[in-house]
Amino acid sequence: MSPKFDDIERLSRGKSTRSKIGNRGIGHRLTQKERILFEAAKRQGFLKIPVTGIRTNVINIYRLWCQASNRPFITK
């Protein structure tokens, strides 16, 4: 069962999800800068990861979003 888009959005904001996706040991809450990267990745079809200043949270959320939308998980 793939995750739902509304659950991914709730998870990225640090709220609980209805389908209980996510894990307390893995970060999912996004900062404002990470949210901008995530929204751009949804539009462009790939996640551009800066050299510094980024946590793995945005990668985790984008991976879940790709899984829900049946898109390939591409990072640059």
N, C-alpha and C. Protein backbone atom coordinates (compact mmCIF):
# COMPACT_ATOMS: atom_id res chain seq x y z
N MET A 1 0.84 -1.18 0.00
CA MET A 1 0.00 0.00 0.00
C MET A 1 0.89 1.24 0.00
N SER A 2 0.70 2.11 -0.98
CA SER A 2 1.52 3.32 -1.04
C SER A 2 0.90 4.41 -0.16
N PRO A 3 1.73 5.32 0.33
CA PRO A 3 1.22 6.40 1.19
C PRO A 3 0.34 7.35 0.39
N LYS A 4 -0.54 8.06 1.08
CA LYS A 4 -1.43 9.03 0.45
C LYS A 4 -0.80 10.42 0.54
N PHE A 5 -1.14 11.28 -0.41
CA PHE A 5 -0.55 12.61 -0.46
C PHE A 5 -0.85 13.44 0.78
N ASP A 6 -2.09 13.36 1.30
CA ASP A 6 -2.41 14.16 2.48
C ASP A 6 -1.63 13.68 3.70
N ASP A 7 -1.36 12.38 3.80
CA ASP A 7 -0.55 11.87 4.90
C ASP A 7 0.89 12.34 4.79
N ILE A 8 1.41 12.41 3.58
CA ILE A 8 2.78 12.89 3.38
C ILE A 8 2.87 14.36 3.77
N GLU A 9 1.87 15.14 3.40
CA GLU A 9 1.85 16.56 3.76
C GLU A 9 1.78 16.74 5.27
N ARG A 10 0.94 15.96 5.93
CA ARG A 10 0.84 16.04 7.40
C ARG A 10 2.15 15.63 8.05
N LEU A 11 2.78 14.60 7.55
CA LEU A 11 4.05 14.12 8.09
C LEU A 11 5.14 15.18 7.93
N SER A 12 5.14 15.88 6.80
CA SER A 12 6.16 16.90 6.56
C SER A 12 5.99 18.11 7.48
N ARG A 13 4.80 18.27 8.03
CA ARG A 13 4.54 19.37 8.97
C ARG A 13 4.64 18.92 10.43
N GLY A 14 5.00 17.66 10.65
CA GLY A 14 5.19 17.16 12.00
C GLY A 14 3.93 16.68 12.68
N LYS A 15 2.86 16.50 11.93
CA LYS A 15 1.59 16.04 12.49
C LYS A 15 1.46 14.54 12.31
N SER A 16 0.55 13.94 13.06
CA SER A 16 0.34 12.50 12.94
C SER A 16 -0.42 12.19 11.65
N THR A 17 -0.22 10.99 11.15
CA THR A 17 -0.87 10.59 9.90
C THR A 17 -1.96 9.57 10.18
N ARG A 18 -2.91 9.50 9.29
CA ARG A 18 -4.01 8.55 9.47
C ARG A 18 -3.57 7.12 9.18
N SER A 19 -2.69 6.96 8.21
CA SER A 19 -2.28 5.61 7.83
C SER A 19 -1.03 5.15 8.55
N LYS A 20 -0.56 5.94 9.51
CA LYS A 20 0.59 5.59 10.36
C LYS A 20 1.86 5.33 9.56
N ILE A 21 2.10 6.18 8.55
CA ILE A 21 3.38 6.10 7.84
C ILE A 21 4.40 6.89 8.64
N GLY A 22 5.65 6.71 8.33
CA GLY A 22 6.70 7.43 9.04
C GLY A 22 7.22 6.62 10.21
N ASN A 23 8.25 7.16 10.82
CA ASN A 23 8.92 6.47 11.90
C ASN A 23 9.54 7.52 12.80
N ARG A 24 9.46 7.35 14.09
CA ARG A 24 10.02 8.35 15.00
C ARG A 24 11.53 8.44 14.88
N GLY A 25 12.17 7.37 14.47
CA GLY A 25 13.63 7.36 14.33
C GLY A 25 14.12 8.01 13.05
N ILE A 26 13.20 8.33 12.13
CA ILE A 26 13.56 8.93 10.85
C ILE A 26 12.89 10.30 10.77
N GLY A 27 13.69 11.33 10.48
CA GLY A 27 13.15 12.68 10.43
C GLY A 27 12.28 12.92 9.20
N HIS A 28 11.16 13.63 9.40
CA HIS A 28 10.28 13.94 8.29
C HIS A 28 9.83 15.40 8.28
N ARG A 29 9.87 16.09 9.41
CA ARG A 29 9.40 17.47 9.48
C ARG A 29 10.35 18.37 8.69
N LEU A 30 9.78 19.22 7.84
CA LEU A 30 10.59 20.07 6.97
C LEU A 30 10.69 21.49 7.51
N THR A 31 11.86 22.10 7.34
CA THR A 31 12.04 23.51 7.63
C THR A 31 11.52 24.30 6.43
N GLN A 32 11.51 25.63 6.56
CA GLN A 32 11.02 26.46 5.46
C GLN A 32 11.88 26.29 4.21
N LYS A 33 13.18 26.24 4.37
CA LYS A 33 14.09 26.07 3.23
C LYS A 33 13.88 24.69 2.58
N GLU A 34 13.70 23.66 3.40
CA GLU A 34 13.48 22.31 2.88
C GLU A 34 12.14 22.21 2.16
N ARG A 35 11.13 22.93 2.67
CA ARG A 35 9.81 22.91 2.02
C ARG A 35 9.90 23.53 0.62
N ILE A 36 10.69 24.58 0.48
CA ILE A 36 10.88 25.21 -0.83
C ILE A 36 11.53 24.22 -1.79
N LEU A 37 12.54 23.50 -1.33
CA LEU A 37 13.20 22.48 -2.16
C LEU A 37 12.22 21.37 -2.54
N PHE A 38 11.39 20.95 -1.59
CA PHE A 38 10.43 19.88 -1.82
C PHE A 38 9.38 20.30 -2.86
N GLU A 39 8.85 21.51 -2.72
CA GLU A 39 7.85 22.00 -3.68
C GLU A 39 8.45 22.13 -5.08
N ALA A 40 9.70 22.59 -5.16
CA ALA A 40 10.37 22.69 -6.46
C ALA A 40 10.58 21.31 -7.06
N ALA A 41 10.93 20.34 -6.22
CA ALA A 41 11.16 18.97 -6.69
C ALA A 41 9.87 18.37 -7.25
N LYS A 42 8.74 18.67 -6.62
CA LYS A 42 7.47 18.15 -7.12
C LYS A 42 7.18 18.71 -8.51
N ARG A 43 7.48 19.99 -8.73
CA ARG A 43 7.24 20.62 -10.03
C ARG A 43 8.21 20.13 -11.10
N GLN A 44 9.50 20.02 -10.74
CA GLN A 44 10.54 19.69 -11.71
C GLN A 44 10.69 18.20 -11.98
N GLY A 45 10.28 17.37 -11.03
CA GLY A 45 10.41 15.93 -11.21
C GLY A 45 11.69 15.34 -10.66
N PHE A 46 12.51 16.16 -10.01
CA PHE A 46 13.72 15.67 -9.36
C PHE A 46 14.06 16.59 -8.20
N LEU A 47 14.79 16.07 -7.23
CA LEU A 47 15.19 16.82 -6.05
C LEU A 47 16.64 17.25 -6.21
N LYS A 48 16.86 18.56 -6.21
CA LYS A 48 18.23 19.09 -6.30
C LYS A 48 18.72 19.33 -4.87
N ILE A 49 19.74 18.57 -4.48
CA ILE A 49 20.25 18.64 -3.11
C ILE A 49 21.45 19.58 -3.07
N PRO A 50 21.37 20.66 -2.25
CA PRO A 50 22.53 21.54 -2.12
C PRO A 50 23.68 20.83 -1.41
N VAL A 51 24.88 21.35 -1.59
CA VAL A 51 26.07 20.72 -1.01
C VAL A 51 26.01 20.74 0.52
N THR A 52 25.59 21.85 1.11
CA THR A 52 25.53 21.96 2.57
C THR A 52 24.19 22.52 3.01
N GLY A 53 23.92 22.39 4.29
CA GLY A 53 22.76 23.03 4.89
C GLY A 53 21.44 22.31 4.70
N ILE A 54 21.48 21.03 4.37
CA ILE A 54 20.23 20.29 4.18
C ILE A 54 20.27 19.00 5.01
N ARG A 55 19.14 18.69 5.61
CA ARG A 55 19.03 17.46 6.38
C ARG A 55 18.41 16.38 5.48
N THR A 56 18.42 15.16 5.96
CA THR A 56 17.86 14.07 5.17
C THR A 56 16.33 14.07 5.17
N ASN A 57 15.71 14.94 5.98
CA ASN A 57 14.25 14.97 6.06
C ASN A 57 13.60 15.22 4.70
N VAL A 58 14.13 16.16 3.94
CA VAL A 58 13.53 16.47 2.63
C VAL A 58 13.69 15.29 1.68
N ILE A 59 14.76 14.55 1.80
CA ILE A 59 14.96 13.36 0.97
C ILE A 59 13.93 12.30 1.34
N ASN A 60 13.69 12.12 2.64
CA ASN A 60 12.71 11.14 3.11
C ASN A 60 11.30 11.47 2.61
N ILE A 61 10.91 12.74 2.72
CA ILE A 61 9.58 13.16 2.29
C ILE A 61 9.43 13.04 0.77
N TYR A 62 10.46 13.45 0.03
CA TYR A 62 10.38 13.36 -1.43
C TYR A 62 10.31 11.90 -1.89
N ARG A 63 11.03 11.02 -1.21
CA ARG A 63 10.98 9.59 -1.54
C ARG A 63 9.56 9.05 -1.34
N LEU A 64 8.91 9.44 -0.23
CA LEU A 64 7.53 9.01 0.02
C LEU A 64 6.58 9.58 -1.04
N TRP A 65 6.79 10.85 -1.41
CA TRP A 65 5.93 11.47 -2.41
C TRP A 65 6.07 10.77 -3.76
N CYS A 66 7.31 10.42 -4.13
CA CYS A 66 7.54 9.69 -5.39
C CYS A 66 6.86 8.33 -5.35
N GLN A 67 6.92 7.69 -4.20
CA GLN A 67 6.27 6.39 -4.03
C GLN A 67 4.76 6.52 -4.21
N ALA A 68 4.17 7.57 -3.65
CA ALA A 68 2.73 7.77 -3.74
C ALA A 68 2.28 8.12 -5.15
N SER A 69 3.13 8.82 -5.90
CA SER A 69 2.75 9.25 -7.24
C SER A 69 3.28 8.33 -8.34
N ASN A 70 3.89 7.22 -7.96
CA ASN A 70 4.45 6.26 -8.92
C ASN A 70 5.45 6.91 -9.88
N ARG A 71 6.24 7.81 -9.35
CA ARG A 71 7.30 8.46 -10.12
C ARG A 71 8.65 7.91 -9.69
N PRO A 72 9.64 7.97 -10.56
CA PRO A 72 10.98 7.54 -10.14
C PRO A 72 11.57 8.54 -9.15
N PHE A 73 12.34 8.04 -8.21
CA PHE A 73 12.99 8.87 -7.19
C PHE A 73 14.33 9.33 -7.75
N ILE A 74 14.40 10.60 -8.17
CA ILE A 74 15.61 11.14 -8.80
C ILE A 74 16.12 12.31 -7.97
N THR A 75 17.41 12.27 -7.64
CA THR A 75 18.06 13.38 -6.94
C THR A 75 19.28 13.81 -7.73
N LYS A 76 19.63 15.09 -7.59
CA LYS A 76 20.82 15.63 -8.26
C LYS A 76 21.66 16.35 -7.25
